[in-house]
Protein backbone atom coordinates (compact mmCIF):
# COMPACT_ATOMS: atom_id res chain seq x y z
CA MET A 1 14.85 13.02 -29.59
CA ILE A 2 15.04 15.73 -27.64
CA PRO A 3 16.96 15.79 -24.10
CA LEU A 4 15.02 14.74 -20.65
CA SER A 5 13.80 17.96 -18.84
CA CYS A 6 14.59 18.74 -15.76
CA ASN A 7 10.86 18.31 -15.21
CA GLU A 8 10.58 15.22 -16.99
CA ILE A 9 13.92 13.60 -14.46
CA ARG A 10 12.07 14.99 -11.68
CA ARG A 11 8.69 13.10 -12.66
CA LEU A 12 10.53 9.90 -13.27
CA TRP A 13 12.58 9.85 -9.77
CA ALA A 14 9.66 10.59 -8.45
CA THR A 15 7.51 7.36 -10.51
CA LEU A 16 10.85 5.16 -9.32
CA THR A 17 10.01 6.25 -5.40
CA ASP A 18 6.32 5.99 -5.24
CA PRO A 19 4.59 4.42 -8.26
CA ALA A 20 1.56 4.99 -9.13
CA HIS A 21 2.11 3.09 -12.61
CA PRO A 22 4.23 -0.10 -13.46
CA PRO A 23 7.71 1.37 -14.62
CA THR A 24 6.87 0.05 -17.74
CA HIS A 25 3.92 2.22 -18.53
CA THR A 26 5.93 4.92 -16.82
CA ASP A 27 9.24 4.77 -19.60
CA HIS A 28 6.62 4.10 -22.13
CA TRP A 29 5.08 7.25 -21.65
CA SER A 30 7.94 9.18 -21.51
CA LEU A 31 9.16 8.02 -24.83
CA TRP A 32 5.88 8.62 -26.28
CA ARG A 33 6.20 12.08 -24.93
CA ARG A 34 9.60 13.09 -26.17
CA ARG A 35 9.02 11.60 -29.51
CA HIS A 36 5.95 13.85 -30.12
CA GLN A 37 7.34 16.54 -28.84
CA THR A 38 10.09 15.97 -31.72
CA ARG A 39 7.29 15.36 -33.96
CA ALA A 40 5.63 18.77 -33.04
CA ARG A 41 8.78 20.63 -33.54
CA HIS A 42 9.83 19.36 -37.07
CA SER A 43 6.38 19.88 -38.10
CA HIS A 44 6.63 23.79 -36.58
CA TYR A 45 9.40 23.93 -38.47
CA GLN A 46 8.38 22.48 -41.43
CA ARG A 47 5.14 24.79 -41.45
CA GLN A 48 7.41 28.10 -41.32
CA HIS A 49 9.60 26.40 -44.15
CA ASP A 50 6.22 25.94 -46.14
CA LYS A 51 5.08 29.69 -45.34
CA HIS A 52 8.61 31.46 -46.19
CA PRO A 53 10.74 28.55 -48.58
CA THR A 54 13.86 30.71 -48.51
CA LEU A 55 15.04 30.01 -45.24
CA ARG A 56 16.72 27.33 -43.80
CA LEU A 57 15.45 24.87 -41.70
CA PRO A 58 17.04 23.63 -38.47
CA ILE A 59 19.52 20.65 -38.85
């Protein structure tokens, strides 16, 4: 999974200090978002590899 970004940390801090949603919602949303970004990044590299099979995928 990708690491937390500065904006993500800021958002998590804001929800802790002024919660509009329960903490479990915030944790779940953050986890989902980071997993989604990881899948999107992997999909992008896979698509590039499918177009140009001689390129190496990043590990």
